[in-house]
Amino acid sequence: MSAQSPPRQGAVRGVILDFYGTLVRLVEPLPPSHRSFFLRRGLVEAADKWGDQWAVGPRDGEEHTAHSTSERAYHAWELDRLRRRALACGVPGAAAGPLAADLDRAMKDLRLALFDDVPAALAGLRARGLTVAVCSNWFWDLDRAIEGVGIAELVDIAVTSARAGARKPHPLIYRTVLDQCGLRPEQAVFVGDMWESDVAGPLAYGMRAVHLWRPDRVVAGAAPSLPDGAARIASLTALSALV
């Protein structure tokens, strides 16, 4: 199969897209580093143990349905997870809860902007009568984030890992978005910039996949070889030719 066109195995009825890195990017002012929240409390050693600020959420592929029963339950789990990790890094008990709350707020105070190719690409898919869905490893409020960047009217379905109870590439989140779209796997194309979550996972679940490899991508390294059922594009402008 060429890099330009996935095999046509039947009519495509829906396109499911990742959110961050595919539709939106971070813009300034960027969130403060987690380390700064430790240092203002004089917790230098704990800051060193905490490490990468982005490695504090559930793992990719993790199932957490027991915590996804409501927004309140999920948020309590988010805070408790941060608090327990802080304690494990040596943060005193009295400081762990307030620190967790500060980190939680900072992680979600994101300034997002659409990539330039997004509005026209989504509008083109909708004009052809295709269902357009967003499926993301995101916080509870994916719908509000979509509305905040101005594409709510171009998206039919939004599924976040927080509500689905599992993070890509867990099969549960793919099943959830397909069920909400009313699609079978072979009727959907999944589009995204992350290989395991947006290409390998959807392919394993029976969907076709399009790997978005933007020139200004945040993902480092070389692009993996394309398996059967997948294509690669450098811009969403090229998506309409594939579906």
Protein backbone atom coordinates (compact mmCIF):
# COMPACT_ATOMS: atom_id res chain seq x y z
CA MET A 1 0.00 0.00 0.00
CA SER A 2 1.28 3.46 -0.77
CA ALA A 3 1.71 6.15 1.86
CA GLN A 4 -1.00 8.15 0.14
CA SER A 5 -3.99 5.84 0.22
CA PRO A 6 -5.30 3.22 2.66
CA PRO A 7 -7.05 0.20 1.11
CA ARG A 8 -10.74 0.74 0.45
CA GLN A 9 -12.54 -2.03 2.33
CA GLY A 10 -16.03 -0.55 2.22
CA ALA A 11 -17.72 2.76 2.54
CA VAL A 12 -16.33 5.13 5.18
CA ARG A 13 -19.12 6.69 7.22
CA GLY A 14 -17.14 8.45 9.92
CA VAL A 15 -13.79 10.04 10.71
CA ILE A 16 -12.49 9.99 14.28
CA LEU A 17 -9.71 12.41 15.15
CA ASP A 18 -7.35 12.80 18.04
CA PHE A 19 -7.42 16.22 19.76
CA TYR A 20 -4.06 17.47 21.04
CA GLY A 21 -1.33 17.42 18.40
CA THR A 22 -3.89 16.72 15.69
CA LEU A 23 -6.48 19.48 15.97
CA VAL A 24 -4.93 21.78 18.58
CA ARG A 25 -1.56 22.85 19.93
CA LEU A 26 -0.36 24.68 23.03
CA VAL A 27 0.29 28.38 22.72
CA GLU A 28 1.81 30.91 25.11
CA PRO A 29 1.57 31.54 27.95
CA LEU A 30 2.55 27.93 28.59
CA PRO A 31 1.69 26.24 31.90
CA PRO A 32 4.31 26.68 34.63
CA SER A 33 6.59 23.75 35.33
CA HIS A 34 5.58 21.41 38.11
CA ARG A 35 8.97 21.99 39.67
CA SER A 36 8.06 25.61 40.39
CA PHE A 37 5.21 24.52 42.68
CA PHE A 38 7.62 22.40 44.72
CA LEU A 39 10.32 25.04 44.91
CA ARG A 40 8.01 27.76 46.19
CA ARG A 41 7.34 25.41 49.11
CA GLY A 42 11.05 24.70 49.62
CA LEU A 43 10.65 21.07 48.49
CA VAL A 44 13.81 20.75 46.39
CA GLU A 45 14.44 17.05 46.97
CA ALA A 46 10.81 16.16 46.30
CA ALA A 47 10.92 18.22 43.10
CA ASP A 48 13.90 16.19 41.89
CA LYS A 49 12.07 12.94 42.65
CA TRP A 50 8.87 14.14 40.93
CA GLY A 51 10.60 14.40 37.57
CA ASP A 52 8.80 14.88 34.25
CA GLN A 53 5.73 17.01 34.77
CA TRP A 54 3.80 15.30 31.96
CA ALA A 55 4.23 11.81 33.43
CA VAL A 56 1.72 12.27 36.24
CA GLY A 57 -1.54 11.09 34.68
CA PRO A 58 -2.88 7.62 33.96
CA ARG A 59 -0.67 5.55 31.68
CA ASP A 60 -1.55 5.20 28.03
CA GLY A 61 -3.70 2.10 27.68
CA GLU A 62 -4.78 2.22 31.34
CA GLU A 63 -8.35 1.22 32.23
CA HIS A 64 -9.97 3.21 35.06
CA THR A 65 -13.71 2.64 34.77
CA ALA A 66 -14.13 2.52 38.56
CA HIS A 67 -13.11 6.19 38.73
CA SER A 68 -15.02 7.39 35.66
CA THR A 69 -18.52 7.09 37.09
CA SER A 70 -18.96 10.87 37.41
CA GLU A 71 -17.01 14.09 37.02
CA ARG A 72 -16.79 14.42 40.79
CA ALA A 73 -15.47 10.88 41.23
CA TYR A 74 -12.95 11.28 38.45
CA HIS A 75 -11.64 14.58 39.78
CA ALA A 76 -11.29 13.09 43.26
CA TRP A 77 -9.21 10.30 41.73
CA GLU A 78 -7.05 12.82 39.85
CA LEU A 79 -6.33 14.71 43.06
CA ASP A 80 -5.69 11.55 45.07
CA ARG A 81 -3.30 10.22 42.48
CA LEU A 82 -1.30 13.46 42.58
CA ARG A 83 -1.39 13.54 46.38
CA ARG A 84 -0.15 9.97 46.71
CA ARG A 85 2.67 10.56 44.28
CA ALA A 86 3.66 13.71 46.16
CA LEU A 87 3.79 11.75 49.41
CA ALA A 88 5.93 9.09 47.73
CA CYS A 89 8.34 11.84 46.65
CA GLY A 90 8.72 12.99 50.27
CA VAL A 91 6.22 15.86 50.43
CA PRO A 92 4.96 16.23 54.03
CA GLY A 93 1.40 15.05 54.57
CA ALA A 94 -0.01 18.49 55.38
CA ALA A 95 1.42 19.94 52.16
CA ALA A 96 0.52 17.08 49.82
CA GLY A 97 -3.18 17.94 49.41
CA PRO A 98 -2.72 21.66 48.64
CA LEU A 99 0.18 20.84 46.32
CA ALA A 100 -1.96 18.30 44.45
CA ALA A 101 -4.74 20.86 44.02
CA ASP A 102 -2.30 23.46 42.66
CA LEU A 103 -0.77 20.98 40.23
CA ASP A 104 -4.19 19.84 39.05
CA ARG A 105 -5.26 23.41 38.28
CA ALA A 106 -2.00 24.18 36.48
CA MET A 107 -2.19 21.05 34.33
CA LYS A 108 -5.64 22.05 33.09
CA ASP A 109 -5.00 25.76 32.57
CA LEU A 110 -3.99 25.29 28.95
CA ARG A 111 -4.00 27.85 26.15
CA LEU A 112 -4.98 25.97 23.01
CA ALA A 113 -5.16 27.05 19.38
CA LEU A 114 -6.32 25.24 16.28
CA PHE A 115 -3.89 24.23 13.59
CA ASP A 116 -4.67 26.30 10.52
CA ASP A 117 -5.88 23.33 8.45
CA VAL A 118 -8.52 22.17 10.94
CA PRO A 119 -11.69 24.21 10.21
CA ALA A 120 -11.70 23.61 6.47
CA ALA A 121 -10.85 19.91 6.86
CA LEU A 122 -13.65 19.26 9.35
CA ALA A 123 -16.14 21.32 7.37
CA GLY A 124 -15.28 19.36 4.26
CA LEU A 125 -15.91 16.04 6.01
CA ARG A 126 -19.23 17.27 7.38
CA ALA A 127 -20.28 18.55 3.93
CA ARG A 128 -19.88 15.01 2.59
CA GLY A 129 -22.24 13.67 5.23
CA LEU A 130 -19.54 11.93 7.27
CA THR A 131 -19.76 11.70 11.04
CA VAL A 132 -16.93 13.67 12.63
CA ALA A 133 -15.78 12.58 16.09
CA VAL A 134 -12.97 13.52 18.44
CA CYS A 135 -11.44 10.82 20.65
CA SER A 136 -8.73 11.91 23.05
CA ASN A 137 -6.76 10.99 26.14
CA TRP A 138 -7.99 14.12 27.89
CA PHE A 139 -9.56 15.48 31.04
CA TRP A 140 -13.29 15.30 31.77
CA ASP A 141 -14.10 18.51 29.93
CA LEU A 142 -13.14 17.64 26.35
CA ASP A 143 -16.44 19.04 25.11
CA ARG A 144 -15.65 22.40 26.71
CA ALA A 145 -12.15 22.39 25.22
CA ILE A 146 -13.61 21.73 21.77
CA GLU A 147 -16.06 24.58 22.24
CA GLY A 148 -13.27 26.82 23.49
CA VAL A 149 -11.31 26.52 20.24
CA GLY A 150 -14.41 27.18 18.16
CA ILE A 151 -15.12 23.86 16.44
CA ALA A 152 -18.09 22.56 18.43
CA GLU A 153 -20.37 22.99 15.41
CA LEU A 154 -18.01 20.87 13.29
CA VAL A 155 -17.84 17.91 15.72
CA ASP A 156 -20.68 15.43 16.13
CA ILE A 157 -19.25 13.26 18.92
CA ALA A 158 -16.55 13.86 21.54
CA VAL A 159 -15.16 11.01 23.65
CA THR A 160 -12.57 11.62 26.33
CA SER A 161 -10.66 8.91 28.17
CA ALA A 162 -11.78 10.44 31.48
CA ARG A 163 -15.43 9.61 30.74
CA ALA A 164 -14.85 6.45 28.69
CA GLY A 165 -12.91 4.84 31.54
CA ALA A 166 -9.77 3.99 29.58
CA ARG A 167 -6.99 5.70 27.68
CA LYS A 168 -5.99 4.96 24.14
CA PRO A 169 -4.87 2.45 22.98
CA HIS A 170 -7.18 0.49 25.32
CA PRO A 171 -9.97 -1.10 23.24
CA LEU A 172 -12.68 0.32 25.52
CA ILE A 173 -12.24 3.90 24.34
CA TYR A 174 -12.41 2.84 20.68
CA ARG A 175 -15.54 0.83 21.35
CA THR A 176 -17.07 3.81 23.15
CA VAL A 177 -16.50 6.28 20.33
CA LEU A 178 -17.67 3.84 17.67
CA ASP A 179 -20.83 3.04 19.65
CA GLN A 180 -21.61 6.73 20.10
CA CYS A 181 -21.07 7.30 16.38
CA GLY A 182 -23.20 4.29 15.47
CA LEU A 183 -20.38 2.84 13.40
CA ARG A 184 -18.72 -0.51 12.95
CA PRO A 185 -14.90 -0.47 13.01
CA GLU A 186 -14.60 -1.02 9.26
CA GLN A 187 -16.75 2.07 8.64
CA ALA A 188 -14.39 4.42 10.47
CA VAL A 189 -11.03 6.05 9.84
CA PHE A 190 -8.97 7.17 12.83
CA VAL A 191 -6.65 10.15 12.41
CA GLY A 192 -3.94 11.27 14.82
CA ASP A 193 -0.30 12.08 15.45
CA MET A 194 0.57 9.43 18.06
CA TRP A 195 1.58 6.04 16.71
CA GLU A 196 0.34 3.60 19.35
CA SER A 197 -2.79 5.54 20.31
CA ASP A 198 -3.91 6.79 16.91
CA VAL A 199 -2.57 4.24 14.45
CA ALA A 200 -1.62 0.87 15.97
CA GLY A 201 -4.54 0.82 18.43
CA PRO A 202 -7.26 1.69 15.89
CA LEU A 203 -5.82 -0.78 13.38
CA ALA A 204 -5.88 -3.55 15.98
CA TYR A 205 -9.52 -2.70 16.66
CA GLY A 206 -10.45 -3.06 12.99
CA MET A 207 -10.45 0.58 11.87
CA ARG A 208 -8.38 2.17 9.18
CA ALA A 209 -5.87 4.75 10.35
CA VAL A 210 -4.22 7.90 9.07
CA HIS A 211 -0.97 8.97 10.72
CA LEU A 212 -0.68 12.76 10.84
CA TRP A 213 3.04 13.62 10.62
CA ARG A 214 3.12 17.41 10.71
CA PRO A 215 6.37 19.21 9.80
CA ASP A 216 6.15 21.07 13.14
CA ARG A 217 5.18 17.99 15.14
CA VAL A 218 6.09 17.69 18.82
CA VAL A 219 6.77 13.95 18.43
CA ALA A 220 10.49 13.35 17.91
CA GLY A 221 12.15 10.65 15.85
CA ALA A 222 11.54 9.00 12.51
CA ALA A 223 8.09 8.00 11.30
CA PRO A 224 7.39 4.27 11.69
CA SER A 225 6.82 2.16 8.59
CA LEU A 226 3.19 2.06 7.53
CA PRO A 227 1.34 -1.25 7.98
CA ASP A 228 -1.59 -2.34 5.83
CA GLY A 229 -4.67 -0.25 6.50
CA ALA A 230 -2.75 2.94 7.29
CA ALA A 231 -1.75 6.08 5.42
CA ARG A 232 0.37 9.08 6.34
CA ILE A 233 -0.29 12.76 5.68
CA ALA A 234 1.52 15.98 6.56
CA SER A 235 -1.62 18.09 6.84
CA LEU A 236 -5.33 17.54 7.37
CA THR A 237 -5.81 19.23 4.02
CA ALA A 238 -4.85 15.87 2.47
CA LEU A 239 -7.42 13.92 4.48
CA SER A 240 -10.39 14.36 2.16
CA ALA A 241 -8.64 12.42 -0.61
CA LEU A 242 -8.34 9.36 1.64
CA VAL A 243 -11.93 8.91 2.87
